[in-house]
Amino acid sequence: MRNFCRLASALSLAALIALCLAWELWLAPLRPGGSLLALKALPLALPLRGVLAGERYTYQWSSLLILAYFIEGVTRAWSDKGPSQNLALAEIVLSILFFVAAVSYARATQARGNS
């Protein structure tokens, strides 16, 4: 279970980074030729090393960070039209996948105390 959650977290995080970059640079940028909104992928790069290394603390705090991307996806899925709306739906799916996998990994690796 741990390895599955770790793999799902890493893949969904990498896919979300790629989606954010592609969305704002090529697929549906706010301005022709790309926009600085592509910088939204930078905060996602911060937990990447820790997620790949399986560091439990990284999974804990990044599960909170990812909620901002979920909120952006919901907002843009509601307000945007065309390709941007579909990309926002993909952002929602990837952020939910990462959140569930990260929380599951953090729970699976939690230290068991004497009860």
C-alpha atoms as a PDB file:
ATOM      1  CA  MET A   1       0.000   0.000   0.000  1.00  0.00           C
ATOM      2  CA  ARG A   2       2.813   2.385   0.903  1.00  0.00           C
ATOM      3  CA  ASN A   3       4.584   1.919  -2.401  1.00  0.00           C
ATOM      4  CA  PHE A   4       1.372   2.426  -4.365  1.00  0.00           C
ATOM      5  CA  CYS A   5       0.598   5.670  -2.511  1.00  0.00           C
ATOM      6  CA  ARG A   6       4.168   6.868  -2.951  1.00  0.00           C
ATOM      7  CA  LEU A   7       4.078   6.133  -6.689  1.00  0.00           C
ATOM      8  CA  ALA A   8       0.629   7.708  -7.127  1.00  0.00           C
ATOM      9  CA  SER A   9       1.766  10.819  -5.261  1.00  0.00           C
ATOM     10  CA  ALA A  10       4.927  11.208  -7.314  1.00  0.00           C
ATOM     11  CA  LEU A  11       3.183  10.637 -10.637  1.00  0.00           C
ATOM     12  CA  SER A  12       0.263  12.953  -9.907  1.00  0.00           C
ATOM     13  CA  LEU A  13       2.614  15.687  -8.667  1.00  0.00           C
ATOM     14  CA  ALA A  14       4.825  15.417 -11.753  1.00  0.00           C
ATOM     15  CA  ALA A  15       1.752  15.405 -13.997  1.00  0.00           C
ATOM     16  CA  LEU A  16       0.369  18.479 -12.238  1.00  0.00           C
ATOM     17  CA  ILE A  17       3.669  20.334 -12.717  1.00  0.00           C
ATOM     18  CA  ALA A  18       3.654  19.426 -16.416  1.00  0.00           C
ATOM     19  CA  LEU A  19      -0.011  20.420 -16.745  1.00  0.00           C
ATOM     20  CA  CYS A  20       0.551  23.829 -15.138  1.00  0.00           C
ATOM     21  CA  LEU A  21       3.487  24.581 -17.417  1.00  0.00           C
ATOM     22  CA  ALA A  22       1.828  23.347 -20.595  1.00  0.00           C
ATOM     23  CA  TRP A  23      -1.446  25.099 -19.748  1.00  0.00           C
ATOM     24  CA  GLU A  24       0.058  28.537 -19.213  1.00  0.00           C
ATOM     25  CA  LEU A  25       2.781  28.365 -21.864  1.00  0.00           C
ATOM     26  CA  TRP A  26       1.208  26.522 -24.837  1.00  0.00           C
ATOM     27  CA  LEU A  27      -2.246  24.987 -24.449  1.00  0.00           C
ATOM     28  CA  ALA A  28      -4.428  27.878 -23.219  1.00  0.00           C
ATOM     29  CA  PRO A  29      -2.307  30.777 -21.926  1.00  0.00           C
ATOM     30  CA  LEU A  30      -3.930  33.978 -20.733  1.00  0.00           C
ATOM     31  CA  ARG A  31      -1.881  35.894 -23.313  1.00  0.00           C
ATOM     32  CA  PRO A  32      -0.626  34.700 -26.701  1.00  0.00           C
ATOM     33  CA  GLY A  33       2.891  33.297 -26.399  1.00  0.00           C
ATOM     34  CA  GLY A  34       2.488  32.279 -22.764  1.00  0.00           C
ATOM     35  CA  SER A  35       2.021  34.062 -19.476  1.00  0.00           C
ATOM     36  CA  LEU A  36       3.852  34.483 -16.213  1.00  0.00           C
ATOM     37  CA  LEU A  37       1.103  32.447 -14.597  1.00  0.00           C
ATOM     38  CA  ALA A  38       3.292  29.463 -15.525  1.00  0.00           C
ATOM     39  CA  LEU A  39       5.244  30.350 -12.394  1.00  0.00           C
ATOM     40  CA  LYS A  40       2.432  28.698 -10.443  1.00  0.00           C
ATOM     41  CA  ALA A  41       4.281  25.429 -11.099  1.00  0.00           C
ATOM     42  CA  LEU A  42       7.238  26.530  -8.944  1.00  0.00           C
ATOM     43  CA  PRO A  43       5.629  25.834  -5.545  1.00  0.00           C
ATOM     44  CA  LEU A  44       4.815  22.322  -6.784  1.00  0.00           C
ATOM     45  CA  ALA A  45       8.513  21.712  -7.418  1.00  0.00           C
ATOM     46  CA  LEU A  46       9.346  22.329  -3.743  1.00  0.00           C
ATOM     47  CA  PRO A  47       7.951  19.036  -2.406  1.00  0.00           C
ATOM     48  CA  LEU A  48       9.040  16.960  -5.426  1.00  0.00           C
ATOM     49  CA  ARG A  49      12.390  15.845  -3.960  1.00  0.00           C
ATOM     50  CA  GLY A  50      10.822  14.895  -0.621  1.00  0.00           C
ATOM     51  CA  VAL A  51       7.954  13.055  -2.281  1.00  0.00           C
ATOM     52  CA  LEU A  52      10.365  11.070  -4.439  1.00  0.00           C
ATOM     53  CA  ALA A  53      12.451  10.281  -1.335  1.00  0.00           C
ATOM     54  CA  GLY A  54       9.389   9.184   0.660  1.00  0.00           C
ATOM     55  CA  GLU A  55       9.804  11.787   3.417  1.00  0.00           C
ATOM     56  CA  ARG A  56       6.666  11.643   5.535  1.00  0.00           C
ATOM     57  CA  TYR A  57       6.841  15.284   6.632  1.00  0.00           C
ATOM     58  CA  THR A  58       6.897  16.410   2.994  1.00  0.00           C
ATOM     59  CA  TYR A  59       3.750  14.403   2.332  1.00  0.00           C
ATOM     60  CA  GLN A  60       2.058  16.073   5.286  1.00  0.00           C
ATOM     61  CA  TRP A  61       2.722  19.692   4.347  1.00  0.00           C
ATOM     62  CA  SER A  62       2.363  19.193   0.604  1.00  0.00           C
ATOM     63  CA  SER A  63      -1.117  17.758   1.127  1.00  0.00           C
ATOM     64  CA  LEU A  64      -2.057  21.222   2.395  1.00  0.00           C
ATOM     65  CA  LEU A  65      -0.228  23.022  -0.431  1.00  0.00           C
ATOM     66  CA  ILE A  66      -2.106  21.047  -3.066  1.00  0.00           C
ATOM     67  CA  LEU A  67      -5.436  22.419  -1.842  1.00  0.00           C
ATOM     68  CA  ALA A  68      -4.563  25.788  -3.434  1.00  0.00           C
ATOM     69  CA  TYR A  69      -4.346  24.041  -6.819  1.00  0.00           C
ATOM     70  CA  PHE A  70      -7.654  22.310  -6.203  1.00  0.00           C
ATOM     71  CA  ILE A  71      -9.252  25.697  -5.448  1.00  0.00           C
ATOM     72  CA  GLU A  72      -7.727  27.239  -8.580  1.00  0.00           C
ATOM     73  CA  GLY A  73      -9.004  24.327 -10.659  1.00  0.00           C
ATOM     74  CA  VAL A  74     -12.532  24.669  -9.287  1.00  0.00           C
ATOM     75  CA  THR A  75     -12.507  28.431  -9.822  1.00  0.00           C
ATOM     76  CA  ARG A  76     -11.240  28.206 -13.393  1.00  0.00           C
ATOM     77  CA  ALA A  77     -13.496  25.262 -14.269  1.00  0.00           C
ATOM     78  CA  TRP A  78     -16.421  27.414 -13.173  1.00  0.00           C
ATOM     79  CA  SER A  79     -15.350  30.669 -14.834  1.00  0.00           C
ATOM     80  CA  ASP A  80     -13.326  29.706 -17.923  1.00  0.00           C
ATOM     81  CA  LYS A  81     -14.631  28.319 -21.186  1.00  0.00           C
ATOM     82  CA  GLY A  82     -13.082  26.155 -23.884  1.00  0.00           C
ATOM     83  CA  PRO A  83      -9.762  24.352 -23.457  1.00  0.00           C
ATOM     84  CA  SER A  84      -8.965  26.191 -20.238  1.00  0.00           C
ATOM     85  CA  GLN A  85     -12.056  24.715 -18.593  1.00  0.00           C
ATOM     86  CA  ASN A  86     -10.985  21.182 -19.528  1.00  0.00           C
ATOM     87  CA  LEU A  87      -7.473  21.829 -18.248  1.00  0.00           C
ATOM     88  CA  ALA A  88      -8.962  23.076 -14.985  1.00  0.00           C
ATOM     89  CA  LEU A  89     -10.895  19.820 -14.657  1.00  0.00           C
ATOM     90  CA  ALA A  90      -7.646  17.904 -15.160  1.00  0.00           C
ATOM     91  CA  GLU A  91      -6.049  20.056 -12.442  1.00  0.00           C
ATOM     92  CA  ILE A  92      -8.894  19.156 -10.086  1.00  0.00           C
ATOM     93  CA  VAL A  93      -8.484  15.429 -10.752  1.00  0.00           C
ATOM     94  CA  LEU A  94      -4.694  15.508 -10.324  1.00  0.00           C
ATOM     95  CA  SER A  95      -4.861  17.559  -7.136  1.00  0.00           C
ATOM     96  CA  ILE A  96      -7.446  15.215  -5.609  1.00  0.00           C
ATOM     97  CA  LEU A  97      -5.358  12.197  -6.614  1.00  0.00           C
ATOM     98  CA  PHE A  98      -2.253  13.710  -5.035  1.00  0.00           C
ATOM     99  CA  PHE A  99      -4.117  14.697  -1.874  1.00  0.00           C
ATOM    100  CA  VAL A 100      -5.615  11.244  -1.335  1.00  0.00           C
ATOM    101  CA  ALA A 101      -2.325   9.458  -2.098  1.00  0.00           C
ATOM    102  CA  ALA A 102      -0.269  11.814   0.093  1.00  0.00           C
ATOM    103  CA  VAL A 103      -2.601  11.549   3.075  1.00  0.00           C
ATOM    104  CA  SER A 104      -2.760   7.769   2.656  1.00  0.00           C
ATOM    105  CA  TYR A 105       1.038   7.548   2.547  1.00  0.00           C
ATOM    106  CA  ALA A 106       1.367   9.749   5.636  1.00  0.00           C
ATOM    107  CA  ARG A 107      -1.091   7.538   7.500  1.00  0.00           C
ATOM    108  CA  ALA A 108       0.590   4.334   6.347  1.00  0.00           C
ATOM    109  CA  THR A 109       3.977   5.547   7.566  1.00  0.00           C
ATOM    110  CA  GLN A 110       2.830   7.027  10.865  1.00  0.00           C
ATOM    111  CA  ALA A 111       4.595   5.751  13.974  1.00  0.00           C
ATOM    112  CA  ARG A 112       2.432   3.427  15.991  1.00  0.00           C
ATOM    113  CA  GLY A 113       2.348   4.310  19.692  1.00  0.00           C
ATOM    114  CA  ASN A 114       1.419   2.051  22.562  1.00  0.00           C
ATOM    115  CA  SER A 115      -2.336   2.222  22.972  1.00  0.00           C
END
